[in-house]
Amino acid sequence: MKVFNSVSDYISSRSGFEGPVGFVPTMGALHSGHRSLIVRSIEENQTTVVSIYVNPMQFDNENDLVAYPETLVEDQATLEALGVDVLVLPTYDQIYGDGFRYQVLENLFSHELCGAHRDGHFTGVLTVVMKLLNIVRPQKAYFGEKDYQQYQLISDMVDAFFMDVEIVPCTIVRESDGLALSSRNLNLDSCARAKAPLIHELISNVSSDIEVAQALSEAGFDVDYVETHDGRRFVAAKIGENPVVRLIDNIPVAMP
């Protein structure tokens, strides 16, 4: 596995990669969900590139950024074992040499669901993803459906700007008890971890969004939202203490 700590070195080497190139952008703390994206990229492409970059511009809460798990040594070993061809480890100064003067804004869907509760989050996401796609120049990029709103916004951005890359959605990977895999799950204490699967259980079995929100609140969750849009039910709720962990999930639902 080739490791690039320099964006300019990667760009200089990019023309020598055998194609097609698949790309999986991550913030590290890799789990089985990430691995499923990477395995699919390896199956579908001749070269697979993974990036690890914890993007501060998408965190609306400083405590959430500080608490984000850092497992770079373990992550590199995982990528080596999977057979990843290239790992890109950019720095803040390389990604935001412009001082974040130039930003990608979306003025509709990014203000709903998570965007209604995380000011500036999707501006940070879209900006860094556009930068990474322009650096890596893949034919395909893989995103998990756990962050379905993120996937949809990125897919729409690529279409809107005529970017020559296919955004590939990948099915949510879950624990045996239904909890959607997330790097933030590492921050759940034992009590919060025991309650966390209730999110998936309720959105799968309770008939109305209001009833799901009420049941989660009664179980001790601080609910941001439970909403159904375009045949998909979305939920975000916080649980735990020191740190508080924000969990999201979604499932397709039958429309009446």
C-alpha atoms as a PDB file:
ATOM      1  CA  MET A   1       0.000   0.000   0.000  1.00  0.00           C
ATOM      2  CA  LYS A   2       1.358   3.393  -1.011  1.00  0.00           C
ATOM      3  CA  VAL A   3       0.880   6.061   1.647  1.00  0.00           C
ATOM      4  CA  PHE A   4       0.779   9.736   0.689  1.00  0.00           C
ATOM      5  CA  ASN A   5       1.081  12.377   3.399  1.00  0.00           C
ATOM      6  CA  SER A   6       1.331  15.068   0.739  1.00  0.00           C
ATOM      7  CA  VAL A   7      -1.507  16.054  -1.587  1.00  0.00           C
ATOM      8  CA  SER A   8       0.948  17.375  -4.166  1.00  0.00           C
ATOM      9  CA  ASP A   9       2.877  14.081  -4.139  1.00  0.00           C
ATOM     10  CA  TYR A  10      -0.366  12.167  -4.677  1.00  0.00           C
ATOM     11  CA  ILE A  11      -1.379  14.410  -7.583  1.00  0.00           C
ATOM     12  CA  SER A  12       2.037  13.947  -9.170  1.00  0.00           C
ATOM     13  CA  SER A  13       1.669  10.158  -8.920  1.00  0.00           C
ATOM     14  CA  ARG A  14      -2.003   9.889  -9.945  1.00  0.00           C
ATOM     15  CA  SER A  15      -1.364   9.485 -13.672  1.00  0.00           C
ATOM     16  CA  GLY A  16       0.512   6.256 -12.969  1.00  0.00           C
ATOM     17  CA  PHE A  17      -2.428   4.485 -11.315  1.00  0.00           C
ATOM     18  CA  GLU A  18      -4.052   1.614 -13.143  1.00  0.00           C
ATOM     19  CA  GLY A  19      -7.731   2.275 -13.723  1.00  0.00           C
ATOM     20  CA  PRO A  20     -10.543   2.352 -13.044  1.00  0.00           C
ATOM     21  CA  VAL A  21      -9.976   3.963  -9.643  1.00  0.00           C
ATOM     22  CA  GLY A  22     -12.390   3.576  -6.728  1.00  0.00           C
ATOM     23  CA  PHE A  23     -12.322   5.920  -3.731  1.00  0.00           C
ATOM     24  CA  VAL A  24     -13.524   5.596  -0.138  1.00  0.00           C
ATOM     25  CA  PRO A  25     -13.184   8.821   1.875  1.00  0.00           C
ATOM     26  CA  THR A  26     -13.159   8.270   5.656  1.00  0.00           C
ATOM     27  CA  MET A  27     -12.412  10.036   8.919  1.00  0.00           C
ATOM     28  CA  GLY A  28     -10.695   6.942  10.309  1.00  0.00           C
ATOM     29  CA  ALA A  29     -11.794   4.829  13.280  1.00  0.00           C
ATOM     30  CA  LEU A  30     -12.594   2.192  10.683  1.00  0.00           C
ATOM     31  CA  HIS A  31     -15.277  -0.426  11.337  1.00  0.00           C
ATOM     32  CA  SER A  32     -17.045  -3.146   9.355  1.00  0.00           C
ATOM     33  CA  GLY A  33     -19.169  -0.563   7.567  1.00  0.00           C
ATOM     34  CA  HIS A  34     -16.058   1.087   6.154  1.00  0.00           C
ATOM     35  CA  ARG A  35     -14.648  -2.318   5.313  1.00  0.00           C
ATOM     36  CA  SER A  36     -17.739  -3.174   3.276  1.00  0.00           C
ATOM     37  CA  LEU A  37     -17.268  -0.015   1.181  1.00  0.00           C
ATOM     38  CA  ILE A  38     -13.594  -0.778   0.666  1.00  0.00           C
ATOM     39  CA  VAL A  39     -14.225  -4.412  -0.299  1.00  0.00           C
ATOM     40  CA  ARG A  40     -16.815  -3.316  -2.854  1.00  0.00           C
ATOM     41  CA  SER A  41     -14.373  -0.791  -4.319  1.00  0.00           C
ATOM     42  CA  ILE A  42     -11.673  -3.456  -4.567  1.00  0.00           C
ATOM     43  CA  GLU A  43     -14.110  -5.795  -6.311  1.00  0.00           C
ATOM     44  CA  GLU A  44     -15.225  -3.160  -8.833  1.00  0.00           C
ATOM     45  CA  ASN A  45     -11.998  -1.268  -9.570  1.00  0.00           C
ATOM     46  CA  GLN A  46      -8.399  -1.938 -10.470  1.00  0.00           C
ATOM     47  CA  THR A  47      -7.059   0.594  -7.958  1.00  0.00           C
ATOM     48  CA  THR A  48      -8.658   1.510  -4.624  1.00  0.00           C
ATOM     49  CA  VAL A  49      -7.766   4.736  -2.823  1.00  0.00           C
ATOM     50  CA  VAL A  50      -8.790   5.436   0.781  1.00  0.00           C
ATOM     51  CA  SER A  51      -8.378   8.769   2.534  1.00  0.00           C
ATOM     52  CA  ILE A  52      -8.321   9.391   6.269  1.00  0.00           C
ATOM     53  CA  TYR A  53      -8.983  12.992   7.230  1.00  0.00           C
ATOM     54  CA  VAL A  54     -10.927  14.212  10.269  1.00  0.00           C
ATOM     55  CA  ASN A  55     -12.540  17.295   8.794  1.00  0.00           C
ATOM     56  CA  PRO A  56     -12.960  20.011  11.446  1.00  0.00           C
ATOM     57  CA  MET A  57     -15.206  22.096   9.207  1.00  0.00           C
ATOM     58  CA  GLN A  58     -18.096  19.638   9.472  1.00  0.00           C
ATOM     59  CA  PHE A  59     -18.186  19.597  13.286  1.00  0.00           C
ATOM     60  CA  ASP A  60     -20.665  22.049  14.755  1.00  0.00           C
ATOM     61  CA  ASN A  61     -19.641  21.039  18.283  1.00  0.00           C
ATOM     62  CA  GLU A  62     -16.037  21.382  19.456  1.00  0.00           C
ATOM     63  CA  ASN A  63     -16.521  18.623  22.036  1.00  0.00           C
ATOM     64  CA  ASP A  64     -17.617  16.209  19.315  1.00  0.00           C
ATOM     65  CA  LEU A  65     -14.438  16.942  17.353  1.00  0.00           C
ATOM     66  CA  VAL A  66     -12.232  16.466  20.430  1.00  0.00           C
ATOM     67  CA  ALA A  67     -13.969  13.180  21.290  1.00  0.00           C
ATOM     68  CA  TYR A  68     -13.773  11.738  17.763  1.00  0.00           C
ATOM     69  CA  PRO A  69     -11.790   8.464  17.956  1.00  0.00           C
ATOM     70  CA  GLU A  70      -8.265   8.430  16.490  1.00  0.00           C
ATOM     71  CA  THR A  71      -6.998   4.952  15.554  1.00  0.00           C
ATOM     72  CA  LEU A  72      -4.570   5.609  12.711  1.00  0.00           C
ATOM     73  CA  VAL A  73      -2.148   2.753  13.462  1.00  0.00           C
ATOM     74  CA  GLU A  74      -4.957   0.208  13.602  1.00  0.00           C
ATOM     75  CA  ASP A  75      -6.626   1.743  10.549  1.00  0.00           C
ATOM     76  CA  GLN A  76      -3.481   1.462   8.425  1.00  0.00           C
ATOM     77  CA  ALA A  77      -3.104  -2.186   9.409  1.00  0.00           C
ATOM     78  CA  THR A  78      -6.745  -2.812   8.449  1.00  0.00           C
ATOM     79  CA  LEU A  79      -6.281  -1.190   5.045  1.00  0.00           C
ATOM     80  CA  GLU A  80      -3.102  -3.168   4.394  1.00  0.00           C
ATOM     81  CA  ALA A  81      -4.883  -6.418   5.259  1.00  0.00           C
ATOM     82  CA  LEU A  82      -7.804  -5.600   2.964  1.00  0.00           C
ATOM     83  CA  GLY A  83      -5.497  -4.969   0.033  1.00  0.00           C
ATOM     84  CA  VAL A  84      -6.021  -1.229  -0.417  1.00  0.00           C
ATOM     85  CA  ASP A  85      -3.649   0.187  -3.017  1.00  0.00           C
ATOM     86  CA  VAL A  86      -3.292   3.797  -1.873  1.00  0.00           C
ATOM     87  CA  LEU A  87      -3.858   5.658   1.403  1.00  0.00           C
ATOM     88  CA  VAL A  88      -4.016   9.469   1.402  1.00  0.00           C
ATOM     89  CA  LEU A  89      -3.429  11.295   4.701  1.00  0.00           C
ATOM     90  CA  PRO A  90      -3.840  15.009   3.961  1.00  0.00           C
ATOM     91  CA  THR A  91      -3.287  17.736   6.552  1.00  0.00           C
ATOM     92  CA  TYR A  92      -5.509  20.688   7.391  1.00  0.00           C
ATOM     93  CA  ASP A  93      -3.146  23.148   5.707  1.00  0.00           C
ATOM     94  CA  GLN A  94      -3.163  21.074   2.519  1.00  0.00           C
ATOM     95  CA  ILE A  95      -6.944  20.773   2.399  1.00  0.00           C
ATOM     96  CA  TYR A  96      -7.709  24.337   3.514  1.00  0.00           C
ATOM     97  CA  GLY A  97      -4.819  26.299   2.096  1.00  0.00           C
ATOM     98  CA  ASP A  98      -7.442  28.895   1.156  1.00  0.00           C
ATOM     99  CA  GLY A  99      -8.447  29.301   4.813  1.00  0.00           C
ATOM    100  CA  PHE A 100     -11.927  27.943   3.991  1.00  0.00           C
ATOM    101  CA  ARG A 101     -12.625  31.059   1.909  1.00  0.00           C
ATOM    102  CA  TYR A 102     -14.255  28.932  -0.789  1.00  0.00           C
ATOM    103  CA  GLN A 103     -17.173  26.793   0.295  1.00  0.00           C
ATOM    104  CA  VAL A 104     -19.811  24.592  -1.318  1.00  0.00           C
ATOM    105  CA  LEU A 105     -23.286  25.673  -0.209  1.00  0.00           C
ATOM    106  CA  GLU A 106     -26.580  23.871  -0.773  1.00  0.00           C
ATOM    107  CA  ASN A 107     -29.659  25.903   0.064  1.00  0.00           C
ATOM    108  CA  LEU A 108     -32.474  23.379   0.474  1.00  0.00           C
ATOM    109  CA  PHE A 109     -32.016  19.785   1.686  1.00  0.00           C
ATOM    110  CA  SER A 110     -28.896  20.660   3.701  1.00  0.00           C
ATOM    111  CA  HIS A 111     -31.096  22.737   6.030  1.00  0.00           C
ATOM    112  CA  GLU A 112     -33.408  19.823   6.852  1.00  0.00           C
ATOM    113  CA  LEU A 113     -32.924  16.787   9.131  1.00  0.00           C
ATOM    114  CA  CYS A 114     -29.315  16.889  10.442  1.00  0.00           C
ATOM    115  CA  GLY A 115     -28.772  20.259   8.808  1.00  0.00           C
ATOM    116  CA  ALA A 116     -31.503  21.811  10.931  1.00  0.00           C
ATOM    117  CA  HIS A 117     -29.594  20.807  14.072  1.00  0.00           C
ATOM    118  CA  ARG A 118     -25.959  21.121  12.960  1.00  0.00           C
ATOM    119  CA  ASP A 119     -25.261  24.598  11.654  1.00  0.00           C
ATOM    120  CA  GLY A 120     -22.765  24.558   8.782  1.00  0.00           C
ATOM    121  CA  HIS A 121     -22.271  20.788   8.921  1.00  0.00           C
ATOM    122  CA  PHE A 122     -23.129  20.012   5.321  1.00  0.00           C
ATOM    123  CA  THR A 123     -21.202  23.000   3.997  1.00  0.00           C
ATOM    124  CA  GLY A 124     -18.147  21.433   5.627  1.00  0.00           C
ATOM    125  CA  VAL A 125     -19.012  17.998   4.242  1.00  0.00           C
ATOM    126  CA  LEU A 126     -19.670  19.109   0.670  1.00  0.00           C
ATOM    127  CA  THR A 127     -16.614  21.350   0.568  1.00  0.00           C
ATOM    128  CA  VAL A 128     -14.200  18.684   1.768  1.00  0.00           C
ATOM    129  CA  VAL A 129     -15.731  15.967  -0.439  1.00  0.00           C
ATOM    130  CA  MET A 130     -15.437  18.154  -3.539  1.00  0.00           C
ATOM    131  CA  LYS A 131     -11.796  18.839  -2.653  1.00  0.00           C
ATOM    132  CA  LEU A 132     -11.058  15.146  -2.086  1.00  0.00           C
ATOM    133  CA  LEU A 133     -12.775  14.087  -5.307  1.00  0.00           C
ATOM    134  CA  ASN A 134     -10.755  16.666  -7.236  1.00  0.00           C
ATOM    135  CA  ILE A 135      -7.550  15.436  -5.591  1.00  0.00           C
ATOM    136  CA  VAL A 136      -8.166  11.691  -5.999  1.00  0.00           C
ATOM    137  CA  ARG A 137      -9.961  11.821  -9.385  1.00  0.00           C
ATOM    138  CA  PRO A 138     -11.706   8.446  -9.077  1.00  0.00           C
ATOM    139  CA  GLN A 139     -14.184   6.910 -11.478  1.00  0.00           C
ATOM    140  CA  LYS A 140     -16.328   5.750  -8.529  1.00  0.00           C
ATOM    141  CA  ALA A 141     -16.648   6.938  -4.916  1.00  0.00           C
ATOM    142  CA  TYR A 142     -18.413   4.903  -2.231  1.00  0.00           C
ATOM    143  CA  PHE A 143     -20.619   6.238   0.563  1.00  0.00           C
ATOM    144  CA  GLY A 144     -22.645   4.392   3.204  1.00  0.00           C
ATOM    145  CA  GLU A 145     -26.407   4.818   3.400  1.00  0.00           C
ATOM    146  CA  LYS A 146     -26.282   5.298   7.186  1.00  0.00           C
ATOM    147  CA  ASP A 147     -25.480   8.909   6.351  1.00  0.00           C
ATOM    148  CA  TYR A 148     -28.199   8.916   3.714  1.00  0.00           C
ATOM    149  CA  GLN A 149     -28.729  12.672   3.698  1.00  0.00           C
ATOM    150  CA  GLN A 150     -24.992  13.131   3.201  1.00  0.00           C
ATOM    151  CA  TYR A 151     -24.959  10.600   0.357  1.00  0.00           C
ATOM    152  CA  GLN A 152     -27.905  12.311  -1.363  1.00  0.00           C
ATOM    153  CA  LEU A 153     -26.363  15.769  -1.076  1.00  0.00           C
ATOM    154  CA  ILE A 154     -23.017  14.552  -2.430  1.00  0.00           C
ATOM    155  CA  SER A 155     -24.705  12.741  -5.308  1.00  0.00           C
ATOM    156  CA  ASP A 156     -26.705  15.860  -6.154  1.00  0.00           C
ATOM    157  CA  MET A 157     -23.575  18.044  -5.909  1.00  0.00           C
ATOM    158  CA  VAL A 158     -21.721  15.831  -8.369  1.00  0.00           C
ATOM    159  CA  ASP A 159     -24.635  16.057 -10.802  1.00  0.00           C
ATOM    160  CA  ALA A 160     -25.014  19.818 -10.367  1.00  0.00           C
ATOM    161  CA  PHE A 161     -21.340  20.520 -11.069  1.00  0.00           C
ATOM    162  CA  PHE A 162     -21.014  17.949 -13.903  1.00  0.00           C
ATOM    163  CA  MET A 163     -18.269  16.097 -12.037  1.00  0.00           C
ATOM    164  CA  ASP A 164     -16.978  13.002 -13.808  1.00  0.00           C
ATOM    165  CA  VAL A 165     -17.441  10.490 -10.974  1.00  0.00           C
ATOM    166  CA  GLU A 166     -20.133   7.973 -10.029  1.00  0.00           C
ATOM    167  CA  ILE A 167     -21.347   8.195  -6.419  1.00  0.00           C
ATOM    168  CA  VAL A 168     -22.132   4.653  -5.262  1.00  0.00           C
ATOM    169  CA  PRO A 169     -24.475   4.140  -2.262  1.00  0.00           C
ATOM    170  CA  CYS A 170     -23.765   1.128  -0.048  1.00  0.00           C
ATOM    171  CA  THR A 171     -26.172  -0.646   2.300  1.00  0.00           C
ATOM    172  CA  ILE A 172     -26.000   0.049   6.050  1.00  0.00           C
ATOM    173  CA  VAL A 173     -23.980  -2.504   8.007  1.00  0.00           C
ATOM    174  CA  ARG A 174     -25.417  -3.311  11.435  1.00  0.00           C
ATOM    175  CA  GLU A 175     -24.482  -5.090  14.625  1.00  0.00           C
ATOM    176  CA  SER A 176     -26.419  -8.268  15.365  1.00  0.00           C
ATOM    177  CA  ASP A 177     -28.773  -6.235  17.587  1.00  0.00           C
ATOM    178  CA  GLY A 178     -29.570  -3.783  14.777  1.00  0.00           C
ATOM    179  CA  LEU A 179     -27.370  -0.848  15.779  1.00  0.00           C
ATOM    180  CA  ALA A 180     -25.986   0.859  12.682  1.00  0.00           C
ATOM    181  CA  LEU A 181     -22.193   0.768  12.691  1.00  0.00           C
ATOM    182  CA  SER A 182     -20.557   4.128  13.358  1.00  0.00           C
ATOM    183  CA  SER A 183     -17.145   5.280  14.525  1.00  0.00           C
ATOM    184  CA  ARG A 184     -18.942   7.193  17.266  1.00  0.00           C
ATOM    185  CA  ASN A 185     -20.215   3.911  18.733  1.00  0.00           C
ATOM    186  CA  LEU A 186     -16.758   3.574  20.291  1.00  0.00           C
ATOM    187  CA  ASN A 187     -17.698   6.433  22.619  1.00  0.00           C
ATOM    188  CA  LEU A 188     -20.842   4.745  23.981  1.00  0.00           C
ATOM    189  CA  ASP A 189     -20.606   3.671  27.607  1.00  0.00           C
ATOM    190  CA  SER A 190     -22.117   0.317  28.569  1.00  0.00           C
ATOM    191  CA  CYS A 191     -25.488   1.785  29.525  1.00  0.00           C
ATOM    192  CA  ALA A 192     -25.794   3.865  26.364  1.00  0.00           C
ATOM    193  CA  ARG A 193     -24.637   0.938  24.224  1.00  0.00           C
ATOM    194  CA  ALA A 194     -27.379  -1.244  25.719  1.00  0.00           C
ATOM    195  CA  LYS A 195     -30.038   1.328  24.809  1.00  0.00           C
ATOM    196  CA  ALA A 196     -28.706   2.289  21.376  1.00  0.00           C
ATOM    197  CA  PRO A 197     -30.306  -0.597  19.391  1.00  0.00           C
ATOM    198  CA  LEU A 198     -33.727   0.721  20.426  1.00  0.00           C
ATOM    199  CA  ILE A 199     -33.407   3.320  17.671  1.00  0.00           C
ATOM    200  CA  HIS A 200     -33.495   0.757  14.885  1.00  0.00           C
ATOM    201  CA  GLU A 201     -36.097  -1.363  16.655  1.00  0.00           C
ATOM    202  CA  LEU A 202     -38.511   1.546  17.001  1.00  0.00           C
ATOM    203  CA  ILE A 203     -38.132   3.014  13.519  1.00  0.00           C
ATOM    204  CA  SER A 204     -38.668  -0.464  12.096  1.00  0.00           C
ATOM    205  CA  ASN A 205     -41.756  -1.367  14.115  1.00  0.00           C
ATOM    206  CA  VAL A 206     -43.592   1.714  15.386  1.00  0.00           C
ATOM    207  CA  SER A 207     -46.132   3.170  13.001  1.00  0.00           C
ATOM    208  CA  SER A 208     -45.723   6.941  13.368  1.00  0.00           C
ATOM    209  CA  ASP A 209     -42.785   9.318  13.645  1.00  0.00           C
ATOM    210  CA  ILE A 210     -44.352  10.989  16.677  1.00  0.00           C
ATOM    211  CA  GLU A 211     -44.673   7.660  18.488  1.00  0.00           C
ATOM    212  CA  VAL A 212     -41.032   6.791  17.754  1.00  0.00           C
ATOM    213  CA  ALA A 213     -39.848  10.145  19.093  1.00  0.00           C
ATOM    214  CA  GLN A 214     -41.947   9.759  22.223  1.00  0.00           C
ATOM    215  CA  ALA A 215     -40.715   6.228  22.897  1.00  0.00           C
ATOM    216  CA  LEU A 216     -37.075   7.283  22.454  1.00  0.00           C
ATOM    217  CA  SER A 217     -37.541  10.231  24.807  1.00  0.00           C
ATOM    218  CA  GLU A 218     -39.107   7.974  27.422  1.00  0.00           C
ATOM    219  CA  ALA A 219     -36.086   5.643  27.099  1.00  0.00           C
ATOM    220  CA  GLY A 220     -33.687   8.484  27.891  1.00  0.00           C
ATOM    221  CA  PHE A 221     -32.702   9.723  24.429  1.00  0.00           C
ATOM    222  CA  ASP A 222     -32.511  13.405  23.559  1.00  0.00           C
ATOM    223  CA  VAL A 223     -34.271  13.311  20.193  1.00  0.00           C
ATOM    224  CA  ASP A 224     -33.274  15.748  17.443  1.00  0.00           C
ATOM    225  CA  TYR A 225     -35.793  14.448  14.942  1.00  0.00           C
ATOM    226  CA  VAL A 226     -37.790  11.518  13.646  1.00  0.00           C
ATOM    227  CA  GLU A 227     -39.060  12.340  10.159  1.00  0.00           C
ATOM    228  CA  THR A 228     -40.189  10.463   7.075  1.00  0.00           C
ATOM    229  CA  HIS A 229     -39.290  11.892   3.669  1.00  0.00           C
ATOM    230  CA  ASP A 230     -39.724  10.355   0.221  1.00  0.00           C
ATOM    231  CA  GLY A 231     -40.234   6.809   1.464  1.00  0.00           C
ATOM    232  CA  ARG A 232     -37.458   6.842   4.082  1.00  0.00           C
ATOM    233  CA  ARG A 233     -37.655   7.357   7.849  1.00  0.00           C
ATOM    234  CA  PHE A 234     -34.776   9.308   9.392  1.00  0.00           C
ATOM    235  CA  VAL A 235     -33.815   9.626  13.050  1.00  0.00           C
ATOM    236  CA  ALA A 236     -31.152  11.408  15.070  1.00  0.00           C
ATOM    237  CA  ALA A 237     -30.919  11.148  18.850  1.00  0.00           C
ATOM    238  CA  LYS A 238     -28.331  11.697  21.570  1.00  0.00           C
ATOM    239  CA  ILE A 239     -27.501   9.306  24.379  1.00  0.00           C
ATOM    240  CA  GLY A 240     -24.862   8.949  27.101  1.00  0.00           C
ATOM    241  CA  GLU A 241     -22.736  11.295  29.167  1.00  0.00           C
ATOM    242  CA  ASN A 242     -19.104  12.412  28.895  1.00  0.00           C
ATOM    243  CA  PRO A 243     -19.279  12.276  25.966  1.00  0.00           C
ATOM    244  CA  VAL A 244     -22.811  12.612  24.708  1.00  0.00           C
ATOM    245  CA  VAL A 245     -23.031  10.540  21.511  1.00  0.00           C
ATOM    246  CA  ARG A 246     -25.281  11.522  18.628  1.00  0.00           C
ATOM    247  CA  LEU A 247     -26.601   8.516  16.697  1.00  0.00           C
ATOM    248  CA  ILE A 248     -28.339   8.587  13.324  1.00  0.00           C
ATOM    249  CA  ASP A 249     -30.164   5.916  11.367  1.00  0.00           C
ATOM    250  CA  ASN A 250     -32.664   5.521   8.548  1.00  0.00           C
ATOM    251  CA  ILE A 251     -34.721   2.832   6.865  1.00  0.00           C
ATOM    252  CA  PRO A 252     -36.901   2.683   3.755  1.00  0.00           C
ATOM    253  CA  VAL A 253     -40.610   2.597   4.626  1.00  0.00           C
ATOM    254  CA  ALA A 254     -43.667   1.685   2.634  1.00  0.00           C
ATOM    255  CA  MET A 255     -45.662   4.742   1.667  1.00  0.00           C
ATOM    256  CA  PRO A 256     -49.470   4.624   1.950  1.00  0.00           C
END
